[in-house]
Amino acid sequence: MEAEEMTQRNQKGFTLIELLIVVAIIGIIAAIAIPNLLNAIDRGKQKRTMADLRSVGTAVESYSIDNNVYPVAAAMSALEPLIEPIYIRTAPLTDGWSRDFQVAATIGEYTLCSGGKNGGTCTSDGGGKMNLFDDSITFTGGGFVQWPEGSQQ
């Protein structure tokens, strides 16, 4: 009877080795999954930013068709009352990273830009494709002159 009780008592629970193996497996899975999750979140913010820039750009183009000039504005807050609610229901003021859009609009041209993840200075020199979340996204003249493409870092 005592040998039977000892056998049952010794087989309850997990050994330290078994627990360490489980913790190691969870750690490996987390090391793979977390960077991919963060990358997917940033890609989503980037796509939202591009969609918002395209929507505002379409509203600015529509304004110019009706008025024969582009709206003059140096900030999104100045552009907003000129295009709302006729050309866009609600103009987005910030990008996917909650940073203000940068605007440069004169009678003859306009540039809408997001400074990217780090909120850096926008460039409108037509950088083309870029692959860093920190790079700016620039929309001017009805199209993107700098945009994300490929694997992002």
N, C-alpha and C. Protein backbone atom coordinates (compact mmCIF):
# COMPACT_ATOMS: atom_id res chain seq x y z
N MET A 1 0.82 -1.19 0.00
CA MET A 1 0.00 0.00 0.00
C MET A 1 0.87 1.26 0.00
N GLU A 2 1.94 1.29 0.80
CA GLU A 2 2.81 2.47 0.86
C GLU A 2 3.51 2.70 -0.47
N ALA A 3 3.94 1.68 -1.15
CA ALA A 3 4.61 1.83 -2.45
C ALA A 3 3.65 2.41 -3.48
N GLU A 4 2.39 1.99 -3.41
CA GLU A 4 1.38 2.50 -4.34
C GLU A 4 1.12 3.99 -4.09
N GLU A 5 1.06 4.42 -2.84
CA GLU A 5 0.85 5.83 -2.49
C GLU A 5 2.05 6.67 -2.92
N MET A 6 3.26 6.16 -2.76
CA MET A 6 4.47 6.88 -3.16
C MET A 6 4.50 7.09 -4.67
N THR A 7 4.10 6.07 -5.44
CA THR A 7 4.09 6.18 -6.89
C THR A 7 3.09 7.24 -7.34
N GLN A 8 1.90 7.25 -6.75
CA GLN A 8 0.88 8.24 -7.12
C GLN A 8 1.32 9.64 -6.72
N ARG A 9 1.92 9.78 -5.55
CA ARG A 9 2.34 11.08 -5.07
C ARG A 9 3.47 11.65 -5.95
N ASN A 10 4.36 10.84 -6.45
CA ASN A 10 5.48 11.30 -7.26
C ASN A 10 5.06 11.65 -8.69
N GLN A 11 3.90 11.24 -9.15
CA GLN A 11 3.50 11.50 -10.52
C GLN A 11 2.54 12.68 -10.65
N LYS A 12 2.33 13.43 -9.60
CA LYS A 12 1.49 14.61 -9.68
C LYS A 12 2.33 15.79 -10.11
N GLY A 13 1.82 16.62 -11.08
CA GLY A 13 2.52 17.83 -11.49
C GLY A 13 3.57 17.57 -12.56
N PHE A 14 4.27 18.67 -12.90
CA PHE A 14 5.29 18.62 -13.94
C PHE A 14 6.67 18.75 -13.32
N THR A 15 7.65 18.22 -14.01
CA THR A 15 9.02 18.37 -13.53
C THR A 15 9.55 19.73 -13.98
N LEU A 16 10.63 20.14 -13.39
CA LEU A 16 11.24 21.42 -13.73
C LEU A 16 11.68 21.43 -15.19
N ILE A 17 12.20 20.34 -15.68
CA ILE A 17 12.64 20.24 -17.08
C ILE A 17 11.45 20.44 -18.02
N GLU A 18 10.33 19.81 -17.73
CA GLU A 18 9.15 19.96 -18.57
C GLU A 18 8.68 21.42 -18.60
N LEU A 19 8.68 22.07 -17.47
CA LEU A 19 8.27 23.47 -17.41
C LEU A 19 9.24 24.36 -18.19
N LEU A 20 10.54 24.10 -18.07
CA LEU A 20 11.53 24.88 -18.81
C LEU A 20 11.37 24.71 -20.32
N ILE A 21 11.06 23.52 -20.76
CA ILE A 21 10.86 23.27 -22.19
C ILE A 21 9.65 24.05 -22.69
N VAL A 22 8.56 24.03 -21.93
CA VAL A 22 7.35 24.77 -22.32
C VAL A 22 7.64 26.27 -22.38
N VAL A 23 8.34 26.80 -21.39
CA VAL A 23 8.68 28.22 -21.37
C VAL A 23 9.57 28.57 -22.56
N ALA A 24 10.52 27.71 -22.89
CA ALA A 24 11.40 27.96 -24.03
C ALA A 24 10.62 27.97 -25.34
N ILE A 25 9.69 27.06 -25.50
CA ILE A 25 8.86 27.02 -26.71
C ILE A 25 8.02 28.28 -26.82
N ILE A 26 7.41 28.70 -25.73
CA ILE A 26 6.61 29.93 -25.73
C ILE A 26 7.49 31.13 -26.07
N GLY A 27 8.70 31.16 -25.54
CA GLY A 27 9.63 32.25 -25.85
C GLY A 27 10.00 32.30 -27.32
N ILE A 28 10.24 31.15 -27.92
CA ILE A 28 10.58 31.09 -29.35
C ILE A 28 9.40 31.58 -30.20
N ILE A 29 8.20 31.12 -29.87
CA ILE A 29 7.02 31.55 -30.61
C ILE A 29 6.82 33.06 -30.48
N ALA A 30 7.00 33.60 -29.27
CA ALA A 30 6.84 35.05 -29.05
C ALA A 30 7.90 35.83 -29.82
N ALA A 31 9.12 35.31 -29.86
CA ALA A 31 10.20 36.01 -30.58
C ALA A 31 9.91 36.09 -32.08
N ILE A 32 9.18 35.14 -32.60
CA ILE A 32 8.81 35.15 -34.01
C ILE A 32 7.55 35.99 -34.24
N ALA A 33 6.56 35.85 -33.38
CA ALA A 33 5.26 36.47 -33.60
C ALA A 33 5.22 37.97 -33.33
N ILE A 34 5.88 38.43 -32.28
CA ILE A 34 5.77 39.84 -31.89
C ILE A 34 6.31 40.79 -32.96
N PRO A 35 7.50 40.56 -33.52
CA PRO A 35 7.96 41.47 -34.59
C PRO A 35 7.02 41.46 -35.81
N ASN A 36 6.49 40.29 -36.15
CA ASN A 36 5.56 40.22 -37.28
C ASN A 36 4.28 40.99 -36.98
N LEU A 37 3.81 40.92 -35.76
CA LEU A 37 2.61 41.65 -35.35
C LEU A 37 2.85 43.15 -35.42
N LEU A 38 3.98 43.61 -34.90
CA LEU A 38 4.30 45.03 -34.92
C LEU A 38 4.45 45.53 -36.36
N ASN A 39 5.05 44.72 -37.21
CA ASN A 39 5.21 45.07 -38.62
C ASN A 39 3.84 45.18 -39.29
N ALA A 40 2.93 44.26 -38.98
CA ALA A 40 1.59 44.29 -39.56
C ALA A 40 0.82 45.53 -39.10
N ILE A 41 0.99 45.92 -37.85
CA ILE A 41 0.33 47.12 -37.34
C ILE A 41 0.83 48.35 -38.08
N ASP A 42 2.14 48.46 -38.26
CA ASP A 42 2.71 49.61 -38.99
C ASP A 42 2.28 49.61 -40.46
N ARG A 43 2.19 48.44 -41.08
CA ARG A 43 1.71 48.37 -42.47
C ARG A 43 0.27 48.87 -42.56
N GLY A 44 -0.55 48.51 -41.57
CA GLY A 44 -1.93 48.99 -41.54
C GLY A 44 -2.01 50.50 -41.41
N LYS A 45 -1.16 51.06 -40.55
CA LYS A 45 -1.13 52.52 -40.37
C LYS A 45 -0.67 53.20 -41.66
N GLN A 46 0.27 52.58 -42.33
CA GLN A 46 0.79 53.12 -43.58
C GLN A 46 -0.30 53.11 -44.67
N LYS A 47 -1.04 52.02 -44.77
CA LYS A 47 -2.10 51.91 -45.77
C LYS A 47 -3.22 52.90 -45.46
N ARG A 48 -3.56 53.08 -44.18
CA ARG A 48 -4.57 54.06 -43.80
C ARG A 48 -4.12 55.46 -44.20
N THR A 49 -2.85 55.76 -43.96
CA THR A 49 -2.30 57.07 -44.31
C THR A 49 -2.40 57.31 -45.81
N MET A 50 -2.05 56.30 -46.60
CA MET A 50 -2.13 56.45 -48.06
C MET A 50 -3.58 56.66 -48.51
N ALA A 51 -4.51 55.93 -47.93
CA ALA A 51 -5.93 56.09 -48.29
C ALA A 51 -6.42 57.49 -47.93
N ASP A 52 -6.02 57.98 -46.75
CA ASP A 52 -6.43 59.32 -46.33
C ASP A 52 -5.83 60.39 -47.24
N LEU A 53 -4.56 60.26 -47.59
CA LEU A 53 -3.93 61.22 -48.49
C LEU A 53 -4.62 61.23 -49.86
N ARG A 54 -4.95 60.04 -50.34
CA ARG A 54 -5.64 59.94 -51.63
C ARG A 54 -7.02 60.59 -51.56
N SER A 55 -7.75 60.40 -50.46
CA SER A 55 -9.08 61.00 -50.29
C SER A 55 -9.00 62.52 -50.26
N VAL A 56 -8.07 63.05 -49.48
CA VAL A 56 -7.91 64.51 -49.41
C VAL A 56 -7.45 65.05 -50.76
N GLY A 57 -6.54 64.34 -51.42
CA GLY A 57 -6.08 64.76 -52.74
C GLY A 57 -7.22 64.80 -53.76
N THR A 58 -8.11 63.83 -53.71
CA THR A 58 -9.27 63.82 -54.59
C THR A 58 -10.18 65.01 -54.30
N ALA A 59 -10.35 65.33 -53.01
CA ALA A 59 -11.17 66.49 -52.63
C ALA A 59 -10.54 67.79 -53.13
N VAL A 60 -9.23 67.90 -53.03
CA VAL A 60 -8.52 69.10 -53.51
C VAL A 60 -8.67 69.21 -55.03
N GLU A 61 -8.54 68.10 -55.74
CA GLU A 61 -8.71 68.10 -57.19
C GLU A 61 -10.14 68.52 -57.56
N SER A 62 -11.14 68.02 -56.83
CA SER A 62 -12.53 68.39 -57.08
C SER A 62 -12.75 69.87 -56.84
N TYR A 63 -12.16 70.39 -55.78
CA TYR A 63 -12.24 71.83 -55.49
C TYR A 63 -11.66 72.63 -56.66
N SER A 64 -10.54 72.18 -57.18
CA SER A 64 -9.89 72.93 -58.27
C SER A 64 -10.71 72.89 -59.55
N ILE A 65 -11.43 71.81 -59.78
CA ILE A 65 -12.29 71.73 -60.96
C ILE A 65 -13.42 72.75 -60.86
N ASP A 66 -14.02 72.86 -59.67
CA ASP A 66 -15.12 73.80 -59.47
C ASP A 66 -14.67 75.25 -59.42
N ASN A 67 -13.47 75.53 -58.93
CA ASN A 67 -13.02 76.90 -58.70
C ASN A 67 -11.89 77.36 -59.62
N ASN A 68 -11.40 76.48 -60.47
CA ASN A 68 -10.31 76.77 -61.41
C ASN A 68 -8.98 77.12 -60.73
N VAL A 69 -8.86 76.92 -59.45
CA VAL A 69 -7.60 77.08 -58.70
C VAL A 69 -7.60 76.06 -57.57
N TYR A 70 -6.41 75.72 -57.11
CA TYR A 70 -6.32 74.87 -55.93
C TYR A 70 -6.56 75.71 -54.69
N PRO A 71 -7.07 75.10 -53.62
CA PRO A 71 -7.24 75.87 -52.38
C PRO A 71 -5.88 76.23 -51.80
N VAL A 72 -5.74 77.45 -51.33
CA VAL A 72 -4.47 77.91 -50.75
C VAL A 72 -4.49 77.60 -49.26
N ALA A 73 -3.51 76.82 -48.81
CA ALA A 73 -3.44 76.45 -47.40
C ALA A 73 -2.02 76.01 -47.06
N ALA A 74 -1.61 76.31 -45.84
CA ALA A 74 -0.28 75.90 -45.38
C ALA A 74 -0.37 74.84 -44.29
N ALA A 75 -1.59 74.47 -43.92
CA ALA A 75 -1.79 73.45 -42.88
C ALA A 75 -3.12 72.75 -43.15
N MET A 76 -3.24 71.54 -42.65
CA MET A 76 -4.46 70.78 -42.84
C MET A 76 -5.65 71.50 -42.21
N SER A 77 -5.43 72.17 -41.08
CA SER A 77 -6.52 72.89 -40.41
C SER A 77 -7.02 74.05 -41.27
N ALA A 78 -6.17 74.63 -42.12
CA ALA A 78 -6.59 75.70 -43.03
C ALA A 78 -7.26 75.13 -44.28
N LEU A 79 -6.86 73.94 -44.69
CA LEU A 79 -7.44 73.30 -45.86
C LEU A 79 -8.82 72.71 -45.56
N GLU A 80 -8.98 72.24 -44.35
CA GLU A 80 -10.20 71.54 -43.94
C GLU A 80 -11.48 72.32 -44.25
N PRO A 81 -11.63 73.59 -43.84
CA PRO A 81 -12.89 74.28 -44.11
C PRO A 81 -13.15 74.55 -45.60
N LEU A 82 -12.12 74.50 -46.42
CA LEU A 82 -12.29 74.74 -47.85
C LEU A 82 -12.84 73.52 -48.58
N ILE A 83 -12.58 72.33 -48.06
CA ILE A 83 -13.01 71.12 -48.77
C ILE A 83 -14.15 70.38 -48.07
N GLU A 84 -14.42 70.71 -46.81
CA GLU A 84 -15.52 70.07 -46.08
C GLU A 84 -16.77 70.92 -46.18
N PRO A 85 -17.93 70.43 -46.17
CA PRO A 85 -18.37 69.05 -46.41
C PRO A 85 -18.67 68.77 -47.87
N ILE A 86 -18.38 69.75 -48.74
CA ILE A 86 -18.76 69.61 -50.15
C ILE A 86 -17.93 68.55 -50.86
N TYR A 87 -16.62 68.54 -50.66
CA TYR A 87 -15.74 67.66 -51.43
C TYR A 87 -15.31 66.41 -50.65
N ILE A 88 -15.41 66.48 -49.35
CA ILE A 88 -15.12 65.32 -48.50
C ILE A 88 -15.94 65.51 -47.23
N ARG A 89 -16.56 64.44 -46.77
CA ARG A 89 -17.43 64.56 -45.59
C ARG A 89 -16.66 65.04 -44.37
N THR A 90 -15.59 64.33 -44.03
CA THR A 90 -14.74 64.71 -42.91
C THR A 90 -13.29 64.51 -43.34
N ALA A 91 -12.55 65.58 -43.39
CA ALA A 91 -11.15 65.48 -43.80
C ALA A 91 -10.30 64.96 -42.65
N PRO A 92 -9.51 63.93 -42.88
CA PRO A 92 -8.61 63.45 -41.83
C PRO A 92 -7.50 64.47 -41.59
N LEU A 93 -7.24 64.76 -40.34
CA LEU A 93 -6.21 65.74 -40.00
C LEU A 93 -4.88 65.10 -39.68
N THR A 94 -4.91 63.81 -39.32
CA THR A 94 -3.68 63.13 -38.90
C THR A 94 -3.49 61.85 -39.70
N ASP A 95 -2.24 61.37 -39.72
CA ASP A 95 -1.93 60.13 -40.41
C ASP A 95 -2.15 58.94 -39.48
N GLY A 96 -1.75 57.78 -39.91
CA GLY A 96 -1.94 56.56 -39.13
C GLY A 96 -1.19 56.54 -37.82
N TRP A 97 -0.17 57.36 -37.68
CA TRP A 97 0.62 57.43 -36.45
C TRP A 97 0.20 58.61 -35.59
N SER A 98 -0.96 59.21 -35.90
CA SER A 98 -1.54 60.35 -35.15
C SER A 98 -0.68 61.60 -35.22
N ARG A 99 0.02 61.77 -36.31
CA ARG A 99 0.80 62.99 -36.55
C ARG A 99 0.08 63.82 -37.62
N ASP A 100 0.15 65.13 -37.49
CA ASP A 100 -0.54 66.01 -38.43
C ASP A 100 0.00 65.83 -39.84
N PHE A 101 -0.94 65.83 -40.81
CA PHE A 101 -0.52 65.85 -42.21
C PHE A 101 0.16 67.18 -42.49
N GLN A 102 1.12 67.16 -43.38
CA GLN A 102 1.79 68.39 -43.80
C GLN A 102 1.22 68.79 -45.16
N VAL A 103 0.88 70.08 -45.29
CA VAL A 103 0.21 70.57 -46.49
C VAL A 103 0.97 71.78 -47.03
N ALA A 104 1.11 71.82 -48.33
CA ALA A 104 1.63 73.01 -49.02
C ALA A 104 0.77 73.17 -50.27
N ALA A 105 -0.17 74.12 -50.23
CA ALA A 105 -1.09 74.30 -51.35
C ALA A 105 -1.09 75.76 -51.79
N THR A 106 -0.82 75.95 -53.07
CA THR A 106 -0.89 77.28 -53.67
C THR A 106 -1.95 77.24 -54.77
N ILE A 107 -2.15 78.35 -55.43
CA ILE A 107 -3.16 78.41 -56.49
C ILE A 107 -2.86 77.40 -57.60
N GLY A 108 -1.59 77.16 -57.88
CA GLY A 108 -1.21 76.32 -59.00
C GLY A 108 -0.86 74.87 -58.69
N GLU A 109 -0.59 74.55 -57.43
CA GLU A 109 -0.20 73.17 -57.10
C GLU A 109 -0.42 72.90 -55.61
N TYR A 110 -0.37 71.63 -55.27
CA TYR A 110 -0.51 71.25 -53.86
C TYR A 110 0.33 70.01 -53.58
N THR A 111 0.72 69.87 -52.34
CA THR A 111 1.43 68.69 -51.87
C THR A 111 0.87 68.32 -50.50
N LEU A 112 0.49 67.06 -50.37
CA LEU A 112 0.01 66.51 -49.10
C LEU A 112 1.02 65.47 -48.67
N CYS A 113 1.34 65.44 -47.39
CA CYS A 113 2.42 64.55 -46.97
C CYS A 113 2.24 64.07 -45.54
N SER A 114 2.71 62.86 -45.31
CA SER A 114 2.86 62.31 -43.96
C SER A 114 4.35 62.10 -43.74
N GLY A 115 4.83 62.50 -42.58
CA GLY A 115 6.25 62.33 -42.26
C GLY A 115 6.64 60.92 -41.92
N GLY A 116 5.71 59.97 -41.98
CA GLY A 116 6.01 58.58 -41.67
C GLY A 116 5.95 58.31 -40.18
N LYS A 117 6.42 57.15 -39.79
CA LYS A 117 6.34 56.71 -38.41
C LYS A 117 7.04 57.66 -37.44
N ASN A 118 8.18 58.21 -37.84
CA ASN A 118 8.93 59.08 -36.94
C ASN A 118 8.51 60.55 -37.05
N GLY A 119 7.54 60.84 -37.94
CA GLY A 119 7.06 62.21 -38.08
C GLY A 119 8.08 63.16 -38.65
N GLY A 120 8.97 62.66 -39.47
CA GLY A 120 10.05 63.48 -40.02
C GLY A 120 9.58 64.50 -41.03
N THR A 121 10.52 65.21 -41.58
CA THR A 121 10.25 66.23 -42.58
C THR A 121 9.87 65.56 -43.90
N CYS A 122 8.85 66.10 -44.53
CA CYS A 122 8.41 65.55 -45.81
C CYS A 122 9.33 66.01 -46.93
N THR A 123 9.49 65.13 -47.89
CA THR A 123 10.25 65.48 -49.08
C THR A 123 9.33 65.34 -50.27
N SER A 124 9.37 66.29 -51.17
CA SER A 124 8.51 66.23 -52.35
C SER A 124 9.34 66.13 -53.62
N ASP A 125 10.54 65.60 -53.49
CA ASP A 125 11.43 65.52 -54.65
C ASP A 125 11.17 64.29 -55.51
N GLY A 126 10.09 63.57 -55.23
CA GLY A 126 9.78 62.41 -56.05
C GLY A 126 10.69 61.24 -55.77
N GLY A 127 10.84 60.90 -54.51
CA GLY A 127 11.72 59.81 -54.11
C GLY A 127 11.28 58.45 -54.61
N GLY A 128 10.04 58.34 -55.09
CA GLY A 128 9.56 57.06 -55.61
C GLY A 128 9.32 56.05 -54.51
N LYS A 129 9.67 54.81 -54.80
CA LYS A 129 9.45 53.71 -53.86
C LYS A 129 10.39 53.85 -52.67
N MET A 130 9.87 53.51 -51.50
CA MET A 130 10.73 53.50 -50.32
C MET A 130 10.33 52.30 -49.47
N ASN A 131 11.22 51.92 -48.55
CA ASN A 131 10.96 50.70 -47.80
C ASN A 131 11.17 50.85 -46.30
N LEU A 132 11.08 52.06 -45.77
CA LEU A 132 11.18 52.27 -44.33
C LEU A 132 9.89 52.90 -43.83
N PHE A 133 9.40 52.47 -42.69
CA PHE A 133 8.20 53.08 -42.12
C PHE A 133 8.45 54.54 -41.77
N ASP A 134 9.70 54.92 -41.54
CA ASP A 134 10.04 56.30 -41.18
C ASP A 134 10.03 57.23 -42.39
N ASP A 135 10.07 56.70 -43.61
CA ASP A 135 10.09 57.54 -44.81
C ASP A 135 8.75 58.26 -44.98
N SER A 136 8.81 59.44 -45.58
CA SER A 136 7.58 60.20 -45.81
C SER A 136 6.80 59.61 -46.98
N ILE A 137 5.48 59.85 -46.95
CA ILE A 137 4.58 59.46 -48.03
C ILE A 137 4.06 60.77 -48.61
N THR A 138 4.28 61.01 -49.89
CA THR A 138 3.97 62.30 -50.50
C THR A 138 3.01 62.14 -51.67
N PHE A 139 1.94 62.94 -51.64
CA PHE A 139 0.90 62.93 -52.67
C PHE A 139 0.82 64.33 -53.26
N THR A 140 0.97 64.45 -54.56
CA THR A 140 0.89 65.76 -55.21
C THR A 140 0.38 65.59 -56.64
N GLY A 141 -0.38 66.56 -57.10
CA GLY A 141 -0.86 66.54 -58.48
C GLY A 141 -1.67 65.33 -58.86
N GLY A 142 -2.42 64.77 -57.93
CA GLY A 142 -3.28 63.63 -58.22
C GLY A 142 -2.62 62.27 -58.09
N GLY A 143 -1.39 62.20 -57.60
CA GLY A 143 -0.72 60.91 -57.46
C GLY A 143 0.41 60.94 -56.45
N PHE A 144 0.85 59.76 -56.07
CA PHE A 144 1.95 59.64 -55.12
C PHE A 144 3.28 59.84 -55.83
N VAL A 145 4.15 60.66 -55.26
CA VAL A 145 5.50 60.81 -55.80
C VAL A 145 6.52 60.10 -54.90
N GLN A 146 6.09 59.74 -53.70
CA GLN A 146 6.90 58.91 -52.81
C GLN A 146 5.93 58.02 -52.05
N TRP A 147 6.16 56.71 -52.11
CA TRP A 147 5.21 55.76 -51.56
C TRP A 147 5.93 54.51 -51.08
N PRO A 148 5.27 53.76 -50.16
CA PRO A 148 5.87 52.51 -49.67
C PRO A 148 5.64 51.38 -50.66
N GLU A 149 6.64 50.54 -50.79
CA GLU A 149 6.50 49.37 -51.65
C GLU A 149 7.48 48.31 -51.20
N GLY A 150 7.05 47.07 -51.29
CA GLY A 150 7.91 45.96 -50.93
C GLY A 150 7.98 45.75 -49.43
N SER A 151 8.97 45.02 -49.00
CA SER A 151 9.16 44.70 -47.59
C SER A 151 9.56 45.96 -46.83
N GLN A 152 8.83 46.25 -45.78
CA GLN A 152 9.09 47.45 -44.98
C GLN A 152 9.92 47.09 -43.76
N GLN A 153 10.70 48.06 -43.29
CA GLN A 153 11.56 47.84 -42.13
C GLN A 153 11.25 48.86 -41.06
